[in-house]
């Protein structure tokens, strides 16, 4: 019962894209043993910190969400796990709080500004974390009224002109893949085109390379297992067709 107010708080904040009013409640699941699950991800964060130091403040939210994924992956084979809404609240509220508490940053007016693409990417990362956590809520059987809003907002962000999405490409691949997995058919083709564009910028020749990156960042197989094959088939198909046309 004591979590109800916190649930309403973070749900409302997630839907409005605003700061939560309350802090993280006592009894939340925050001390998570991620085992070796986040080694690759932490190595990527170190490299991103060198290339884009202005992204550093989002690290805690990324790592909090990665810890949630690790916790779920260690337990999700038990069907009863997905029926425990109290555990879901204790697990998801701290990560949502970390993401929603990030300060907003204005996009520079000049696309040539060295921070232009990085700040756009930072917001794409933040929104994709919210999409991922909203998807987990749904998997737990909890209504996620904010998911569609974040999908719409992510698509608007992904269409910002002059953004170089190959900035920190691994996380951009993750962010656009997560959005594509959850987007409807009318939206997914756009995200697929962005993913293929990033692949070409880094010399990837197969969607398997993307999947290897994405699963090494933040991933819950039980969340996406019914969606992966069709999405990555679309990615390979578009990559092949654009390569033939020399695009």
C-alpha atoms as a PDB file:
ATOM      1  CA  UNK A   1       0.000   0.000   0.000  1.00  0.00           C
ATOM      2  CA  UNK A   2       2.795   2.420   0.878  1.00  0.00           C
ATOM      3  CA  UNK A   3       4.088   2.283  -2.722  1.00  0.00           C
ATOM      4  CA  UNK A   4       0.810   3.429  -4.247  1.00  0.00           C
ATOM      5  CA  UNK A   5       1.580   7.146  -4.010  1.00  0.00           C
ATOM      6  CA  UNK A   6       5.031   6.631  -5.506  1.00  0.00           C
ATOM      7  CA  UNK A   7       3.539   4.607  -8.342  1.00  0.00           C
ATOM      8  CA  UNK A   8       1.097   7.390  -9.169  1.00  0.00           C
ATOM      9  CA  UNK A   9       3.900   9.939  -8.892  1.00  0.00           C
ATOM     10  CA  UNK A  10       6.299   8.271 -11.341  1.00  0.00           C
ATOM     11  CA  UNK A  11       3.485   7.203 -13.681  1.00  0.00           C
ATOM     12  CA  UNK A  12       2.229  10.784 -13.886  1.00  0.00           C
ATOM     13  CA  UNK A  13       5.745  12.141 -14.253  1.00  0.00           C
ATOM     14  CA  UNK A  14       6.526   9.615 -16.986  1.00  0.00           C
ATOM     15  CA  UNK A  15       3.381  10.520 -18.908  1.00  0.00           C
ATOM     16  CA  UNK A  16       4.018  14.262 -18.584  1.00  0.00           C
ATOM     17  CA  UNK A  17       7.790  13.914 -19.014  1.00  0.00           C
ATOM     18  CA  UNK A  18       8.381  15.876 -15.794  1.00  0.00           C
ATOM     19  CA  UNK A  19      10.389  15.446 -12.584  1.00  0.00           C
ATOM     20  CA  UNK A  20       8.897  13.125  -9.939  1.00  0.00           C
ATOM     21  CA  UNK A  21       7.564  14.908  -6.862  1.00  0.00           C
ATOM     22  CA  UNK A  22       8.760  12.293  -4.368  1.00  0.00           C
ATOM     23  CA  UNK A  23      12.095  10.614  -3.796  1.00  0.00           C
ATOM     24  CA  UNK A  24      12.802   6.911  -4.180  1.00  0.00           C
ATOM     25  CA  UNK A  25      10.800   5.015  -1.524  1.00  0.00           C
ATOM     26  CA  UNK A  26      12.336   2.857   1.158  1.00  0.00           C
ATOM     27  CA  UNK A  27      12.242  -0.809   0.259  1.00  0.00           C
ATOM     28  CA  UNK A  28      13.034  -0.200  -3.402  1.00  0.00           C
ATOM     29  CA  UNK A  29      15.283  -2.649  -5.203  1.00  0.00           C
ATOM     30  CA  UNK A  30      18.452  -0.696  -5.921  1.00  0.00           C
ATOM     31  CA  UNK A  31      21.337  -2.883  -4.782  1.00  0.00           C
ATOM     32  CA  UNK A  32      21.410  -5.268  -7.730  1.00  0.00           C
ATOM     33  CA  UNK A  33      24.191  -7.744  -8.451  1.00  0.00           C
ATOM     34  CA  UNK A  34      24.517  -7.487 -12.232  1.00  0.00           C
ATOM     35  CA  UNK A  35      27.162 -10.245 -12.293  1.00  0.00           C
ATOM     36  CA  UNK A  36      29.018  -9.910 -15.622  1.00  0.00           C
ATOM     37  CA  UNK A  37      25.981  -8.596 -17.484  1.00  0.00           C
ATOM     38  CA  UNK A  38      27.131  -4.973 -17.715  1.00  0.00           C
ATOM     39  CA  UNK A  39      30.879  -5.335 -18.348  1.00  0.00           C
ATOM     40  CA  UNK A  40      30.614  -4.524 -22.061  1.00  0.00           C
ATOM     41  CA  UNK A  41      28.157  -1.712 -21.391  1.00  0.00           C
ATOM     42  CA  UNK A  42      30.443  -0.083 -18.818  1.00  0.00           C
ATOM     43  CA  UNK A  43      33.341  -0.272 -21.269  1.00  0.00           C
ATOM     44  CA  UNK A  44      31.205   1.545 -23.827  1.00  0.00           C
ATOM     45  CA  UNK A  45      30.284   4.201 -21.284  1.00  0.00           C
ATOM     46  CA  UNK A  46      33.943   4.882 -20.649  1.00  0.00           C
ATOM     47  CA  UNK A  47      34.592   5.385 -24.351  1.00  0.00           C
ATOM     48  CA  UNK A  48      31.504   7.595 -24.707  1.00  0.00           C
ATOM     49  CA  UNK A  49      32.697   9.693 -21.789  1.00  0.00           C
ATOM     50  CA  UNK A  50      35.905  10.466 -23.668  1.00  0.00           C
ATOM     51  CA  UNK A  51      34.171  11.278 -26.958  1.00  0.00           C
ATOM     52  CA  UNK A  52      31.112  13.090 -25.584  1.00  0.00           C
ATOM     53  CA  UNK A  53      31.801  14.284 -22.026  1.00  0.00           C
ATOM     54  CA  UNK A  54      28.563  16.297 -22.023  1.00  0.00           C
ATOM     55  CA  UNK A  55      26.664  12.993 -21.966  1.00  0.00           C
ATOM     56  CA  UNK A  56      28.133  12.011 -18.604  1.00  0.00           C
ATOM     57  CA  UNK A  57      25.114  12.979 -16.521  1.00  0.00           C
ATOM     58  CA  UNK A  58      22.957  10.308 -18.148  1.00  0.00           C
ATOM     59  CA  UNK A  59      25.254   7.466 -17.070  1.00  0.00           C
ATOM     60  CA  UNK A  60      23.473   6.858 -13.764  1.00  0.00           C
ATOM     61  CA  UNK A  61      20.097   6.489 -15.489  1.00  0.00           C
ATOM     62  CA  UNK A  62      21.566   4.154 -18.101  1.00  0.00           C
ATOM     63  CA  UNK A  63      23.230   2.000 -15.464  1.00  0.00           C
ATOM     64  CA  UNK A  64      20.096   1.944 -13.294  1.00  0.00           C
ATOM     65  CA  UNK A  65      18.103   0.656 -16.258  1.00  0.00           C
ATOM     66  CA  UNK A  66      20.811  -1.870 -17.157  1.00  0.00           C
ATOM     67  CA  UNK A  67      20.653  -3.145 -13.572  1.00  0.00           C
ATOM     68  CA  UNK A  68      16.884  -3.583 -13.871  1.00  0.00           C
ATOM     69  CA  UNK A  69      17.399  -5.620 -17.051  1.00  0.00           C
ATOM     70  CA  UNK A  70      19.987  -7.792 -15.307  1.00  0.00           C
ATOM     71  CA  UNK A  71      17.639  -8.379 -12.347  1.00  0.00           C
ATOM     72  CA  UNK A  72      14.835  -9.387 -14.717  1.00  0.00           C
ATOM     73  CA  UNK A  73      17.056 -11.647 -16.809  1.00  0.00           C
ATOM     74  CA  UNK A  74      18.104 -13.568 -13.699  1.00  0.00           C
ATOM     75  CA  UNK A  75      14.477 -14.308 -12.759  1.00  0.00           C
ATOM     76  CA  UNK A  76      12.235 -14.073 -15.820  1.00  0.00           C
ATOM     77  CA  UNK A  77      12.119 -17.807 -16.584  1.00  0.00           C
ATOM     78  CA  UNK A  78       9.797 -18.178 -13.616  1.00  0.00           C
ATOM     79  CA  UNK A  79       6.293 -17.339 -14.813  1.00  0.00           C
ATOM     80  CA  UNK A  80       5.313 -16.233 -11.318  1.00  0.00           C
ATOM     81  CA  UNK A  81       7.889 -13.459 -11.501  1.00  0.00           C
ATOM     82  CA  UNK A  82       5.814 -11.576 -14.072  1.00  0.00           C
ATOM     83  CA  UNK A  83       2.742 -11.691 -11.802  1.00  0.00           C
ATOM     84  CA  UNK A  84       4.436  -9.953  -8.859  1.00  0.00           C
ATOM     85  CA  UNK A  85       3.379  -6.335  -9.282  1.00  0.00           C
ATOM     86  CA  UNK A  86       4.884  -5.341  -5.916  1.00  0.00           C
ATOM     87  CA  UNK A  87       8.326  -6.471  -7.027  1.00  0.00           C
ATOM     88  CA  UNK A  88       7.744  -4.678 -10.334  1.00  0.00           C
ATOM     89  CA  UNK A  89       7.073  -1.421  -8.486  1.00  0.00           C
ATOM     90  CA  UNK A  90      10.050  -1.811  -6.153  1.00  0.00           C
ATOM     91  CA  UNK A  91      12.266  -2.531  -9.177  1.00  0.00           C
ATOM     92  CA  UNK A  92      11.031  -0.025 -11.756  1.00  0.00           C
ATOM     93  CA  UNK A  93      10.411   3.067  -9.613  1.00  0.00           C
ATOM     94  CA  UNK A  94      14.116   3.763  -8.873  1.00  0.00           C
ATOM     95  CA  UNK A  95      15.112   3.452 -12.544  1.00  0.00           C
ATOM     96  CA  UNK A  96      12.211   5.616 -13.696  1.00  0.00           C
ATOM     97  CA  UNK A  97      13.127   8.141 -11.033  1.00  0.00           C
ATOM     98  CA  UNK A  98      16.735   8.243 -12.295  1.00  0.00           C
ATOM     99  CA  UNK A  99      15.633   8.841 -15.890  1.00  0.00           C
ATOM    100  CA  UNK A 100      12.927  11.393 -15.111  1.00  0.00           C
ATOM    101  CA  UNK A 101      15.199  13.380 -12.788  1.00  0.00           C
ATOM    102  CA  UNK A 102      17.618  14.257 -15.585  1.00  0.00           C
ATOM    103  CA  UNK A 103      17.733  17.947 -16.430  1.00  0.00           C
ATOM    104  CA  UNK A 104      16.547  18.913 -19.889  1.00  0.00           C
ATOM    105  CA  UNK A 105      19.052  20.448 -22.288  1.00  0.00           C
ATOM    106  CA  UNK A 106      18.305  22.880 -25.090  1.00  0.00           C
ATOM    107  CA  UNK A 107      19.434  21.957 -28.579  1.00  0.00           C
ATOM    108  CA  UNK A 108      21.932  24.503 -29.957  1.00  0.00           C
ATOM    109  CA  UNK A 109      20.601  26.663 -32.768  1.00  0.00           C
ATOM    110  CA  UNK A 110      23.597  25.871 -34.949  1.00  0.00           C
ATOM    111  CA  UNK A 111      23.728  22.289 -36.298  1.00  0.00           C
ATOM    112  CA  UNK A 112      27.494  22.751 -36.672  1.00  0.00           C
ATOM    113  CA  UNK A 113      27.844  23.172 -32.910  1.00  0.00           C
ATOM    114  CA  UNK A 114      29.849  20.171 -31.652  1.00  0.00           C
ATOM    115  CA  UNK A 115      27.179  19.489 -29.014  1.00  0.00           C
ATOM    116  CA  UNK A 116      24.215  19.583 -31.436  1.00  0.00           C
ATOM    117  CA  UNK A 117      24.136  15.867 -32.305  1.00  0.00           C
ATOM    118  CA  UNK A 118      25.207  14.824 -28.816  1.00  0.00           C
ATOM    119  CA  UNK A 119      22.378  16.666 -27.098  1.00  0.00           C
ATOM    120  CA  UNK A 120      19.847  15.266 -29.587  1.00  0.00           C
ATOM    121  CA  UNK A 121      21.270  11.799 -28.924  1.00  0.00           C
ATOM    122  CA  UNK A 122      21.100  12.328 -25.165  1.00  0.00           C
ATOM    123  CA  UNK A 123      17.370  13.004 -25.400  1.00  0.00           C
ATOM    124  CA  UNK A 124      16.918   9.989 -27.687  1.00  0.00           C
ATOM    125  CA  UNK A 125      18.726   7.850 -25.098  1.00  0.00           C
ATOM    126  CA  UNK A 126      16.540   9.226 -22.310  1.00  0.00           C
ATOM    127  CA  UNK A 127      13.329   8.577 -24.217  1.00  0.00           C
ATOM    128  CA  UNK A 128      14.405   5.089 -25.218  1.00  0.00           C
ATOM    129  CA  UNK A 129      15.039   4.277 -21.560  1.00  0.00           C
ATOM    130  CA  UNK A 130      11.475   5.380 -20.807  1.00  0.00           C
ATOM    131  CA  UNK A 131      10.186   3.244 -23.687  1.00  0.00           C
ATOM    132  CA  UNK A 132      12.135   0.245 -22.389  1.00  0.00           C
ATOM    133  CA  UNK A 133      10.863   0.657 -18.815  1.00  0.00           C
ATOM    134  CA  UNK A 134       7.289   1.214 -20.022  1.00  0.00           C
ATOM    135  CA  UNK A 135       7.542  -2.002 -22.028  1.00  0.00           C
ATOM    136  CA  UNK A 136       8.667  -3.845 -18.911  1.00  0.00           C
ATOM    137  CA  UNK A 137       5.680  -2.455 -17.009  1.00  0.00           C
ATOM    138  CA  UNK A 138       3.410  -3.860 -19.682  1.00  0.00           C
ATOM    139  CA  UNK A 139       5.138  -7.242 -19.469  1.00  0.00           C
ATOM    140  CA  UNK A 140       4.415  -7.241 -15.730  1.00  0.00           C
ATOM    141  CA  UNK A 141       0.746  -6.706 -16.556  1.00  0.00           C
ATOM    142  CA  UNK A 142       0.762  -3.092 -15.396  1.00  0.00           C
ATOM    143  CA  UNK A 143      -0.969  -0.546 -17.635  1.00  0.00           C
ATOM    144  CA  UNK A 144       1.578   1.724 -19.301  1.00  0.00           C
ATOM    145  CA  UNK A 145      -0.274   4.823 -20.448  1.00  0.00           C
ATOM    146  CA  UNK A 146       2.991   6.597 -21.229  1.00  0.00           C
ATOM    147  CA  UNK A 147       4.405   4.134 -23.788  1.00  0.00           C
ATOM    148  CA  UNK A 148       2.653   5.518 -26.863  1.00  0.00           C
ATOM    149  CA  UNK A 149       3.527   9.067 -25.883  1.00  0.00           C
ATOM    150  CA  UNK A 150       7.226   8.262 -25.611  1.00  0.00           C
ATOM    151  CA  UNK A 151       7.133   6.419 -28.932  1.00  0.00           C
ATOM    152  CA  UNK A 152       5.606   9.469 -30.622  1.00  0.00           C
ATOM    153  CA  UNK A 153       8.072  11.813 -28.976  1.00  0.00           C
ATOM    154  CA  UNK A 154      11.007   9.574 -29.853  1.00  0.00           C
ATOM    155  CA  UNK A 155       9.997   9.610 -33.501  1.00  0.00           C
ATOM    156  CA  UNK A 156       9.906  13.415 -33.462  1.00  0.00           C
ATOM    157  CA  UNK A 157      13.381  13.457 -31.918  1.00  0.00           C
ATOM    158  CA  UNK A 158      14.663  11.005 -34.518  1.00  0.00           C
ATOM    159  CA  UNK A 159      13.496  13.381 -37.271  1.00  0.00           C
ATOM    160  CA  UNK A 160      15.381  16.431 -35.988  1.00  0.00           C
ATOM    161  CA  UNK A 161      17.266  17.699 -39.058  1.00  0.00           C
ATOM    162  CA  UNK A 162      21.061  17.632 -39.366  1.00  0.00           C
ATOM    163  CA  UNK A 163      21.623  15.223 -36.462  1.00  0.00           C
ATOM    164  CA  UNK A 164      24.532  12.831 -36.890  1.00  0.00           C
ATOM    165  CA  UNK A 165      23.223   9.668 -35.241  1.00  0.00           C
ATOM    166  CA  UNK A 166      26.626   8.026 -35.595  1.00  0.00           C
ATOM    167  CA  UNK A 167      27.718   9.980 -32.510  1.00  0.00           C
ATOM    168  CA  UNK A 168      28.272   7.223 -29.908  1.00  0.00           C
ATOM    169  CA  UNK A 169      26.842   4.785 -32.472  1.00  0.00           C
ATOM    170  CA  UNK A 170      26.403   1.790 -30.155  1.00  0.00           C
ATOM    171  CA  UNK A 171      23.901   3.541 -27.925  1.00  0.00           C
ATOM    172  CA  UNK A 172      22.184   5.195 -30.864  1.00  0.00           C
ATOM    173  CA  UNK A 173      21.754   1.749 -32.419  1.00  0.00           C
ATOM    174  CA  UNK A 174      20.306   0.541 -29.131  1.00  0.00           C
ATOM    175  CA  UNK A 175      17.936   3.501 -28.773  1.00  0.00           C
ATOM    176  CA  UNK A 176      16.535   3.322 -32.308  1.00  0.00           C
ATOM    177  CA  UNK A 177      16.258  -0.467 -32.168  1.00  0.00           C
ATOM    178  CA  UNK A 178      14.270  -0.347 -28.919  1.00  0.00           C
ATOM    179  CA  UNK A 179      11.941   2.238 -30.463  1.00  0.00           C
ATOM    180  CA  UNK A 180      11.584   0.131 -33.617  1.00  0.00           C
ATOM    181  CA  UNK A 181      10.747  -3.002 -31.632  1.00  0.00           C
ATOM    182  CA  UNK A 182       7.889  -1.237 -29.846  1.00  0.00           C
ATOM    183  CA  UNK A 183       6.663   1.007 -32.686  1.00  0.00           C
ATOM    184  CA  UNK A 184       3.653   0.218 -34.825  1.00  0.00           C
ATOM    185  CA  UNK A 185       4.111  -0.719 -38.461  1.00  0.00           C
ATOM    186  CA  UNK A 186       3.409   2.848 -39.590  1.00  0.00           C
ATOM    187  CA  UNK A 187       6.324   4.142 -37.497  1.00  0.00           C
ATOM    188  CA  UNK A 188       8.801   1.305 -37.606  1.00  0.00           C
ATOM    189  CA  UNK A 189      10.066   1.857 -41.146  1.00  0.00           C
ATOM    190  CA  UNK A 190      11.430   5.248 -40.152  1.00  0.00           C
ATOM    191  CA  UNK A 191      13.418   3.783 -37.257  1.00  0.00           C
ATOM    192  CA  UNK A 192      14.685   0.982 -39.486  1.00  0.00           C
ATOM    193  CA  UNK A 193      15.994   3.571 -41.940  1.00  0.00           C
ATOM    194  CA  UNK A 194      17.841   5.371 -39.138  1.00  0.00           C
ATOM    195  CA  UNK A 195      19.351   2.093 -37.907  1.00  0.00           C
ATOM    196  CA  UNK A 196      20.533   1.259 -41.430  1.00  0.00           C
ATOM    197  CA  UNK A 197      22.022   4.743 -41.758  1.00  0.00           C
ATOM    198  CA  UNK A 198      24.028   4.244 -38.555  1.00  0.00           C
ATOM    199  CA  UNK A 199      25.111   0.788 -39.721  1.00  0.00           C
ATOM    200  CA  UNK A 200      26.484   2.233 -42.933  1.00  0.00           C
ATOM    201  CA  UNK A 201      28.335   4.966 -41.078  1.00  0.00           C
ATOM    202  CA  UNK A 202      30.225   2.386 -38.995  1.00  0.00           C
ATOM    203  CA  UNK A 203      30.629  -0.234 -41.725  1.00  0.00           C
ATOM    204  CA  UNK A 204      28.205  -2.870 -40.448  1.00  0.00           C
ATOM    205  CA  UNK A 205      27.036  -5.348 -43.076  1.00  0.00           C
ATOM    206  CA  UNK A 206      24.478  -7.421 -41.138  1.00  0.00           C
ATOM    207  CA  UNK A 207      21.724  -6.938 -38.606  1.00  0.00           C
ATOM    208  CA  UNK A 208      23.433  -9.608 -36.490  1.00  0.00           C
ATOM    209  CA  UNK A 209      26.131  -7.047 -35.737  1.00  0.00           C
ATOM    210  CA  UNK A 210      23.431  -4.667 -34.523  1.00  0.00           C
ATOM    211  CA  UNK A 211      21.831  -7.378 -32.398  1.00  0.00           C
ATOM    212  CA  UNK A 212      25.188  -8.172 -30.810  1.00  0.00           C
ATOM    213  CA  UNK A 213      25.589  -4.502 -29.853  1.00  0.00           C
ATOM    214  CA  UNK A 214      22.013  -4.050 -28.644  1.00  0.00           C
ATOM    215  CA  UNK A 215      21.982  -7.157 -26.459  1.00  0.00           C
ATOM    216  CA  UNK A 216      25.256  -6.040 -24.909  1.00  0.00           C
ATOM    217  CA  UNK A 217      23.835  -2.666 -23.898  1.00  0.00           C
ATOM    218  CA  UNK A 218      20.461  -3.213 -22.181  1.00  0.00           C
ATOM    219  CA  UNK A 219      18.352  -6.227 -23.094  1.00  0.00           C
ATOM    220  CA  UNK A 220      15.621  -8.524 -21.820  1.00  0.00           C
ATOM    221  CA  UNK A 221      15.115 -11.373 -24.251  1.00  0.00           C
ATOM    222  CA  UNK A 222      11.752 -12.305 -22.760  1.00  0.00           C
ATOM    223  CA  UNK A 223      10.524  -8.807 -23.574  1.00  0.00           C
ATOM    224  CA  UNK A 224      11.382  -8.859 -27.272  1.00  0.00           C
ATOM    225  CA  UNK A 225      11.638 -12.514 -28.304  1.00  0.00           C
ATOM    226  CA  UNK A 226       8.486 -12.380 -30.471  1.00  0.00           C
ATOM    227  CA  UNK A 227       9.570  -9.197 -32.258  1.00  0.00           C
ATOM    228  CA  UNK A 228      13.260  -9.593 -33.015  1.00  0.00           C
ATOM    229  CA  UNK A 229      13.142 -11.820 -36.114  1.00  0.00           C
ATOM    230  CA  UNK A 230      10.781  -9.630 -38.132  1.00  0.00           C
ATOM    231  CA  UNK A 231      12.554  -6.381 -37.232  1.00  0.00           C
ATOM    232  CA  UNK A 232      16.028  -7.623 -38.101  1.00  0.00           C
ATOM    233  CA  UNK A 233      14.721  -9.125 -41.335  1.00  0.00           C
ATOM    234  CA  UNK A 234      13.466  -5.640 -42.252  1.00  0.00           C
ATOM    235  CA  UNK A 235      16.843  -4.151 -41.370  1.00  0.00           C
ATOM    236  CA  UNK A 236      18.712  -6.640 -43.578  1.00  0.00           C
ATOM    237  CA  UNK A 237      16.240  -6.135 -46.414  1.00  0.00           C
ATOM    238  CA  UNK A 238      16.598  -2.341 -46.375  1.00  0.00           C
ATOM    239  CA  UNK A 239      20.377  -2.571 -46.021  1.00  0.00           C
ATOM    240  CA  UNK A 240      20.580  -4.879 -49.048  1.00  0.00           C
ATOM    241  CA  UNK A 241      18.286  -2.739 -51.179  1.00  0.00           C
ATOM    242  CA  UNK A 242      20.078   0.523 -50.419  1.00  0.00           C
ATOM    243  CA  UNK A 243      23.459  -1.103 -51.002  1.00  0.00           C
ATOM    244  CA  UNK A 244      22.331  -2.288 -54.451  1.00  0.00           C
ATOM    245  CA  UNK A 245      21.153   1.214 -55.306  1.00  0.00           C
ATOM    246  CA  UNK A 246      24.386   2.642 -53.969  1.00  0.00           C
ATOM    247  CA  UNK A 247      22.559   4.821 -51.424  1.00  0.00           C
END
